[in-house]
């Protein structure tokens, strides 16, 4: 099985060997080569891989803990929004590093830093992650960027790779685009997106115009 440079770099981060085994033997073999999307997680199958000799793992939450390690270094993401304190059984992962061009992204996994006030997300990575996560509108404004920076400046103990910072920002955008309170006037599928320049009259306005136009006639 082939692991590209980005995966190798991430696997050498602060991970337990059990998390590495889970990725290499339990998760990656099920991933689609072109999309990076895995088969639904199966606790029974994953536990059998982890317990090759001794029955060290018996609970789903132990598997969850290992998956959270993989999340922390950017090796996996969830295809859809998931509550991290709930079961992951049956959920689908995306392995973003498997589809990345090493020349473009390897440096993003090597550059670890705390949040700073001049931080900007990597624009190409935003576009690629948005495509993987099904985000239609990934344009962001200064307020969204400022909120993100302000939140993490208040957590100076947090240090992530440049890839992970952008990944967190994209997840935040997806959450906002799916939120009911997101200010917009157009809905595409289940997502709310910002309308672009232009004026659109709704049906009520059109009906009122037609009503009073007839009166004036």
C-alpha atoms as a PDB file:
ATOM      1  CA  UNK A   1       0.000   0.000   0.000  1.00  0.00           C
ATOM      2  CA  UNK A   2       1.353   3.406  -1.000  1.00  0.00           C
ATOM      3  CA  UNK A   3       1.508   6.362   1.394  1.00  0.00           C
ATOM      4  CA  UNK A   4       2.401   9.722  -0.115  1.00  0.00           C
ATOM      5  CA  UNK A   5       4.731  12.255   1.482  1.00  0.00           C
ATOM      6  CA  UNK A   6       1.893  14.228   3.082  1.00  0.00           C
ATOM      7  CA  UNK A   7       0.510  11.081   4.748  1.00  0.00           C
ATOM      8  CA  UNK A   8       3.964  10.019   5.921  1.00  0.00           C
ATOM      9  CA  UNK A   9       4.575  13.441   7.455  1.00  0.00           C
ATOM     10  CA  UNK A  10       1.231  13.362   9.259  1.00  0.00           C
ATOM     11  CA  UNK A  11       1.785   9.797  10.485  1.00  0.00           C
ATOM     12  CA  UNK A  12       5.063  10.923  12.073  1.00  0.00           C
ATOM     13  CA  UNK A  13       3.282  13.558  14.167  1.00  0.00           C
ATOM     14  CA  UNK A  14       2.333  12.928  17.791  1.00  0.00           C
ATOM     15  CA  UNK A  15       0.194   9.805  17.345  1.00  0.00           C
ATOM     16  CA  UNK A  16      -0.129   6.537  19.188  1.00  0.00           C
ATOM     17  CA  UNK A  17       0.962   3.444  17.280  1.00  0.00           C
ATOM     18  CA  UNK A  18      -2.586   2.114  17.611  1.00  0.00           C
ATOM     19  CA  UNK A  19      -3.900   5.186  15.764  1.00  0.00           C
ATOM     20  CA  UNK A  20      -1.320   4.631  13.009  1.00  0.00           C
ATOM     21  CA  UNK A  21      -2.332   0.964  12.683  1.00  0.00           C
ATOM     22  CA  UNK A  22      -5.998   1.948  12.534  1.00  0.00           C
ATOM     23  CA  UNK A  23      -5.272   4.357   9.675  1.00  0.00           C
ATOM     24  CA  UNK A  24      -2.935   2.113   7.711  1.00  0.00           C
ATOM     25  CA  UNK A  25      -4.785  -1.202   8.076  1.00  0.00           C
ATOM     26  CA  UNK A  26      -8.350  -0.322   9.025  1.00  0.00           C
ATOM     27  CA  UNK A  27      -9.254   2.937   7.303  1.00  0.00           C
ATOM     28  CA  UNK A  28      -7.081   3.630   4.256  1.00  0.00           C
ATOM     29  CA  UNK A  29      -7.675   0.235   2.566  1.00  0.00           C
ATOM     30  CA  UNK A  30     -11.395   1.086   2.316  1.00  0.00           C
ATOM     31  CA  UNK A  31     -10.871   4.544   0.774  1.00  0.00           C
ATOM     32  CA  UNK A  32     -11.637   5.356  -2.853  1.00  0.00           C
ATOM     33  CA  UNK A  33      -8.395   6.228  -4.659  1.00  0.00           C
ATOM     34  CA  UNK A  34      -9.820   9.230  -6.506  1.00  0.00           C
ATOM     35  CA  UNK A  35     -12.138  10.764  -3.886  1.00  0.00           C
ATOM     36  CA  UNK A  36     -10.530   9.650  -0.611  1.00  0.00           C
ATOM     37  CA  UNK A  37     -13.982   8.666   0.724  1.00  0.00           C
ATOM     38  CA  UNK A  38     -13.990   5.567   2.939  1.00  0.00           C
ATOM     39  CA  UNK A  39     -16.517   2.849   3.520  1.00  0.00           C
ATOM     40  CA  UNK A  40     -18.759   3.430   6.568  1.00  0.00           C
ATOM     41  CA  UNK A  41     -16.865   2.783   9.785  1.00  0.00           C
ATOM     42  CA  UNK A  42     -17.510  -0.646  11.262  1.00  0.00           C
ATOM     43  CA  UNK A  43     -16.507  -0.997  14.910  1.00  0.00           C
ATOM     44  CA  UNK A  44     -16.495  -4.810  14.794  1.00  0.00           C
ATOM     45  CA  UNK A  45     -14.111  -4.887  11.838  1.00  0.00           C
ATOM     46  CA  UNK A  46     -11.839  -2.183  13.260  1.00  0.00           C
ATOM     47  CA  UNK A  47     -11.668  -3.870  16.676  1.00  0.00           C
ATOM     48  CA  UNK A  48     -10.587  -7.137  15.057  1.00  0.00           C
ATOM     49  CA  UNK A  49      -7.736  -5.305  13.297  1.00  0.00           C
ATOM     50  CA  UNK A  50      -6.606  -3.596  16.506  1.00  0.00           C
ATOM     51  CA  UNK A  51      -6.781  -6.803  18.568  1.00  0.00           C
ATOM     52  CA  UNK A  52      -4.527  -9.008  16.457  1.00  0.00           C
ATOM     53  CA  UNK A  53      -2.838 -10.583  19.493  1.00  0.00           C
ATOM     54  CA  UNK A  54      -4.255  -9.247  22.741  1.00  0.00           C
ATOM     55  CA  UNK A  55      -7.803  -7.992  23.282  1.00  0.00           C
ATOM     56  CA  UNK A  56      -6.684  -4.468  24.123  1.00  0.00           C
ATOM     57  CA  UNK A  57      -9.712  -2.714  22.592  1.00  0.00           C
ATOM     58  CA  UNK A  58     -13.282  -3.733  23.396  1.00  0.00           C
ATOM     59  CA  UNK A  59     -15.366  -0.536  23.194  1.00  0.00           C
ATOM     60  CA  UNK A  60     -16.443   1.753  20.404  1.00  0.00           C
ATOM     61  CA  UNK A  61     -15.341   4.811  22.337  1.00  0.00           C
ATOM     62  CA  UNK A  62     -11.784   3.445  22.308  1.00  0.00           C
ATOM     63  CA  UNK A  63     -11.933   3.399  18.509  1.00  0.00           C
ATOM     64  CA  UNK A  64     -13.358   6.930  18.608  1.00  0.00           C
ATOM     65  CA  UNK A  65     -10.363   8.061  20.643  1.00  0.00           C
ATOM     66  CA  UNK A  66      -7.966   6.783  17.973  1.00  0.00           C
ATOM     67  CA  UNK A  67      -9.979   8.414  15.186  1.00  0.00           C
ATOM     68  CA  UNK A  68      -9.824  11.712  17.085  1.00  0.00           C
ATOM     69  CA  UNK A  69      -6.026  11.384  17.064  1.00  0.00           C
ATOM     70  CA  UNK A  70      -6.138  11.013  13.284  1.00  0.00           C
ATOM     71  CA  UNK A  71      -8.458  14.017  13.062  1.00  0.00           C
ATOM     72  CA  UNK A  72      -6.012  16.088  15.089  1.00  0.00           C
ATOM     73  CA  UNK A  73      -3.216  15.686  12.515  1.00  0.00           C
ATOM     74  CA  UNK A  74      -5.406  16.044   9.427  1.00  0.00           C
ATOM     75  CA  UNK A  75      -5.216  12.431   8.230  1.00  0.00           C
ATOM     76  CA  UNK A  76      -9.002  12.075   8.254  1.00  0.00           C
ATOM     77  CA  UNK A  77     -12.093  14.239   8.277  1.00  0.00           C
ATOM     78  CA  UNK A  78     -15.756  13.299   8.439  1.00  0.00           C
ATOM     79  CA  UNK A  79     -17.683  13.554   5.205  1.00  0.00           C
ATOM     80  CA  UNK A  80     -20.621  15.040   7.107  1.00  0.00           C
ATOM     81  CA  UNK A  81     -20.915  16.953  10.374  1.00  0.00           C
ATOM     82  CA  UNK A  82     -20.513  14.608  13.345  1.00  0.00           C
ATOM     83  CA  UNK A  83     -20.873  15.088  17.094  1.00  0.00           C
ATOM     84  CA  UNK A  84     -17.490  14.042  18.454  1.00  0.00           C
ATOM     85  CA  UNK A  85     -18.991  12.730  21.705  1.00  0.00           C
ATOM     86  CA  UNK A  86     -21.375  10.388  19.839  1.00  0.00           C
ATOM     87  CA  UNK A  87     -20.794   7.051  18.119  1.00  0.00           C
ATOM     88  CA  UNK A  88     -18.788   7.064  14.881  1.00  0.00           C
ATOM     89  CA  UNK A  89     -20.051   3.626  13.863  1.00  0.00           C
ATOM     90  CA  UNK A  90     -21.489   3.800  10.344  1.00  0.00           C
ATOM     91  CA  UNK A  91     -20.047   7.269   9.680  1.00  0.00           C
ATOM     92  CA  UNK A  92     -18.019   7.953   6.555  1.00  0.00           C
ATOM     93  CA  UNK A  93     -14.566   9.507   6.543  1.00  0.00           C
ATOM     94  CA  UNK A  94     -12.632  11.421   3.905  1.00  0.00           C
ATOM     95  CA  UNK A  95      -8.854  11.018   3.649  1.00  0.00           C
ATOM     96  CA  UNK A  96      -7.887  14.427   2.234  1.00  0.00           C
ATOM     97  CA  UNK A  97      -4.146  13.758   2.057  1.00  0.00           C
ATOM     98  CA  UNK A  98      -4.589  10.843  -0.345  1.00  0.00           C
ATOM     99  CA  UNK A  99      -5.933  13.156  -3.069  1.00  0.00           C
ATOM    100  CA  UNK A 100      -3.549  16.084  -2.526  1.00  0.00           C
ATOM    101  CA  UNK A 101      -0.623  16.931  -4.772  1.00  0.00           C
ATOM    102  CA  UNK A 102       2.453  16.623  -2.604  1.00  0.00           C
ATOM    103  CA  UNK A 103       4.173  19.672  -4.098  1.00  0.00           C
ATOM    104  CA  UNK A 104       1.259  21.872  -3.117  1.00  0.00           C
ATOM    105  CA  UNK A 105       0.487  20.549   0.330  1.00  0.00           C
ATOM    106  CA  UNK A 106       3.457  18.908   2.000  1.00  0.00           C
ATOM    107  CA  UNK A 107       4.727  22.218   3.403  1.00  0.00           C
ATOM    108  CA  UNK A 108       1.312  22.898   4.990  1.00  0.00           C
ATOM    109  CA  UNK A 109       1.801  19.871   7.238  1.00  0.00           C
ATOM    110  CA  UNK A 110       5.277  20.953   8.267  1.00  0.00           C
ATOM    111  CA  UNK A 111       4.400  24.519   9.277  1.00  0.00           C
ATOM    112  CA  UNK A 112       2.992  24.303  12.824  1.00  0.00           C
ATOM    113  CA  UNK A 113       2.156  27.519  14.654  1.00  0.00           C
ATOM    114  CA  UNK A 114      -0.208  29.278  17.032  1.00  0.00           C
ATOM    115  CA  UNK A 115      -2.915  31.545  15.681  1.00  0.00           C
ATOM    116  CA  UNK A 116      -1.782  35.108  14.939  1.00  0.00           C
ATOM    117  CA  UNK A 117      -3.672  38.274  14.054  1.00  0.00           C
ATOM    118  CA  UNK A 118      -2.483  38.393  10.415  1.00  0.00           C
ATOM    119  CA  UNK A 119      -3.370  34.765   9.638  1.00  0.00           C
ATOM    120  CA  UNK A 120      -4.996  33.988   6.289  1.00  0.00           C
ATOM    121  CA  UNK A 121      -6.292  30.578   5.134  1.00  0.00           C
ATOM    122  CA  UNK A 122      -4.703  28.869   2.157  1.00  0.00           C
ATOM    123  CA  UNK A 123      -7.014  29.719  -0.749  1.00  0.00           C
ATOM    124  CA  UNK A 124      -6.309  26.651  -2.889  1.00  0.00           C
ATOM    125  CA  UNK A 125      -6.757  24.352   0.083  1.00  0.00           C
ATOM    126  CA  UNK A 126     -10.086  26.039   0.881  1.00  0.00           C
ATOM    127  CA  UNK A 127     -11.326  25.302  -2.637  1.00  0.00           C
ATOM    128  CA  UNK A 128     -10.140  21.670  -2.543  1.00  0.00           C
ATOM    129  CA  UNK A 129     -11.590  20.951   0.907  1.00  0.00           C
ATOM    130  CA  UNK A 130     -14.863  22.687   0.013  1.00  0.00           C
ATOM    131  CA  UNK A 131     -15.183  20.385  -2.993  1.00  0.00           C
ATOM    132  CA  UNK A 132     -14.511  17.314  -0.840  1.00  0.00           C
ATOM    133  CA  UNK A 133     -17.016  18.424   1.805  1.00  0.00           C
ATOM    134  CA  UNK A 134     -19.698  19.503  -0.655  1.00  0.00           C
ATOM    135  CA  UNK A 135     -19.634  23.191   0.284  1.00  0.00           C
ATOM    136  CA  UNK A 136     -21.250  25.242  -2.480  1.00  0.00           C
ATOM    137  CA  UNK A 137     -20.420  28.752  -1.270  1.00  0.00           C
ATOM    138  CA  UNK A 138     -16.946  28.921   0.261  1.00  0.00           C
ATOM    139  CA  UNK A 139     -16.327  32.635  -0.291  1.00  0.00           C
ATOM    140  CA  UNK A 140     -15.787  34.250   3.097  1.00  0.00           C
ATOM    141  CA  UNK A 141     -15.860  37.831   4.345  1.00  0.00           C
ATOM    142  CA  UNK A 142     -13.643  39.757   6.758  1.00  0.00           C
ATOM    143  CA  UNK A 143     -16.121  39.270   9.593  1.00  0.00           C
ATOM    144  CA  UNK A 144     -16.019  35.474   9.289  1.00  0.00           C
ATOM    145  CA  UNK A 145     -12.228  35.516   9.164  1.00  0.00           C
ATOM    146  CA  UNK A 146     -12.031  37.935  12.107  1.00  0.00           C
ATOM    147  CA  UNK A 147     -14.367  35.797  14.235  1.00  0.00           C
ATOM    148  CA  UNK A 148     -12.204  32.733  13.570  1.00  0.00           C
ATOM    149  CA  UNK A 149      -8.937  34.512  14.398  1.00  0.00           C
ATOM    150  CA  UNK A 150     -10.398  36.111  17.533  1.00  0.00           C
ATOM    151  CA  UNK A 151     -11.688  32.745  18.788  1.00  0.00           C
ATOM    152  CA  UNK A 152      -8.311  31.030  18.449  1.00  0.00           C
ATOM    153  CA  UNK A 153      -6.279  33.982  19.716  1.00  0.00           C
ATOM    154  CA  UNK A 154      -8.126  33.361  22.964  1.00  0.00           C
ATOM    155  CA  UNK A 155      -6.681  29.833  23.029  1.00  0.00           C
ATOM    156  CA  UNK A 156      -2.916  30.497  22.846  1.00  0.00           C
ATOM    157  CA  UNK A 157      -2.108  26.953  23.950  1.00  0.00           C
ATOM    158  CA  UNK A 158      -3.489  25.618  20.635  1.00  0.00           C
ATOM    159  CA  UNK A 159      -0.929  24.923  17.934  1.00  0.00           C
ATOM    160  CA  UNK A 160      -1.756  23.330  14.588  1.00  0.00           C
ATOM    161  CA  UNK A 161      -0.281  22.899  11.133  1.00  0.00           C
ATOM    162  CA  UNK A 162      -1.191  25.387   8.425  1.00  0.00           C
ATOM    163  CA  UNK A 163      -3.260  22.621   6.813  1.00  0.00           C
ATOM    164  CA  UNK A 164      -5.209  22.081  10.022  1.00  0.00           C
ATOM    165  CA  UNK A 165      -5.867  25.793  10.563  1.00  0.00           C
ATOM    166  CA  UNK A 166      -7.371  26.077   7.088  1.00  0.00           C
ATOM    167  CA  UNK A 167      -9.261  22.824   7.592  1.00  0.00           C
ATOM    168  CA  UNK A 168     -10.806  24.171  10.807  1.00  0.00           C
ATOM    169  CA  UNK A 169     -11.764  27.375   9.016  1.00  0.00           C
ATOM    170  CA  UNK A 170     -13.477  25.422   6.214  1.00  0.00           C
ATOM    171  CA  UNK A 171     -15.402  23.311   8.731  1.00  0.00           C
ATOM    172  CA  UNK A 172     -16.551  26.557  10.335  1.00  0.00           C
ATOM    173  CA  UNK A 173     -17.746  27.846   6.961  1.00  0.00           C
ATOM    174  CA  UNK A 174     -19.676  24.638   6.339  1.00  0.00           C
ATOM    175  CA  UNK A 175     -21.360  24.874   9.735  1.00  0.00           C
ATOM    176  CA  UNK A 176     -22.418  28.466   9.018  1.00  0.00           C
ATOM    177  CA  UNK A 177     -23.675  27.621   5.541  1.00  0.00           C
ATOM    178  CA  UNK A 178     -25.900  24.931   7.040  1.00  0.00           C
ATOM    179  CA  UNK A 179     -27.131  27.154   9.893  1.00  0.00           C
ATOM    180  CA  UNK A 180     -30.724  28.395   9.810  1.00  0.00           C
ATOM    181  CA  UNK A 181     -29.684  31.867  10.888  1.00  0.00           C
ATOM    182  CA  UNK A 182     -27.209  32.409   8.055  1.00  0.00           C
ATOM    183  CA  UNK A 183     -28.074  35.681   6.291  1.00  0.00           C
ATOM    184  CA  UNK A 184     -28.814  34.925   2.677  1.00  0.00           C
ATOM    185  CA  UNK A 185     -31.620  34.867   0.174  1.00  0.00           C
ATOM    186  CA  UNK A 186     -30.955  31.705  -1.766  1.00  0.00           C
ATOM    187  CA  UNK A 187     -31.056  28.015  -0.861  1.00  0.00           C
ATOM    188  CA  UNK A 188     -29.283  25.345  -2.927  1.00  0.00           C
ATOM    189  CA  UNK A 189     -30.214  21.838  -1.792  1.00  0.00           C
ATOM    190  CA  UNK A 190     -29.737  21.822   1.989  1.00  0.00           C
ATOM    191  CA  UNK A 191     -27.217  24.680   1.988  1.00  0.00           C
ATOM    192  CA  UNK A 192     -27.801  28.395   2.353  1.00  0.00           C
ATOM    193  CA  UNK A 193     -25.579  30.542   0.147  1.00  0.00           C
ATOM    194  CA  UNK A 194     -24.962  34.245  -0.257  1.00  0.00           C
ATOM    195  CA  UNK A 195     -26.630  35.784  -3.285  1.00  0.00           C
ATOM    196  CA  UNK A 196     -24.388  37.666  -5.645  1.00  0.00           C
ATOM    197  CA  UNK A 197     -24.828  41.197  -6.944  1.00  0.00           C
ATOM    198  CA  UNK A 198     -28.255  41.890  -8.443  1.00  0.00           C
ATOM    199  CA  UNK A 199     -31.841  42.524  -7.343  1.00  0.00           C
ATOM    200  CA  UNK A 200     -34.475  39.801  -7.353  1.00  0.00           C
ATOM    201  CA  UNK A 201     -38.113  40.594  -6.625  1.00  0.00           C
ATOM    202  CA  UNK A 202     -39.945  37.902  -4.679  1.00  0.00           C
ATOM    203  CA  UNK A 203     -43.414  36.638  -5.632  1.00  0.00           C
ATOM    204  CA  UNK A 204     -45.208  38.886  -3.108  1.00  0.00           C
ATOM    205  CA  UNK A 205     -43.557  41.993  -4.510  1.00  0.00           C
ATOM    206  CA  UNK A 206     -44.390  40.985  -8.053  1.00  0.00           C
ATOM    207  CA  UNK A 207     -48.022  40.373  -7.114  1.00  0.00           C
ATOM    208  CA  UNK A 208     -48.310  43.788  -5.452  1.00  0.00           C
ATOM    209  CA  UNK A 209     -46.864  45.517  -8.492  1.00  0.00           C
ATOM    210  CA  UNK A 210     -49.286  43.681 -10.759  1.00  0.00           C
ATOM    211  CA  UNK A 211     -52.251  44.497  -8.457  1.00  0.00           C
ATOM    212  CA  UNK A 212     -51.635  48.226  -8.342  1.00  0.00           C
ATOM    213  CA  UNK A 213     -50.695  48.411 -11.989  1.00  0.00           C
ATOM    214  CA  UNK A 214     -54.184  47.125 -12.841  1.00  0.00           C
ATOM    215  CA  UNK A 215     -55.765  49.760 -10.582  1.00  0.00           C
ATOM    216  CA  UNK A 216     -53.886  52.535 -12.336  1.00  0.00           C
ATOM    217  CA  UNK A 217     -54.862  51.237 -15.771  1.00  0.00           C
END
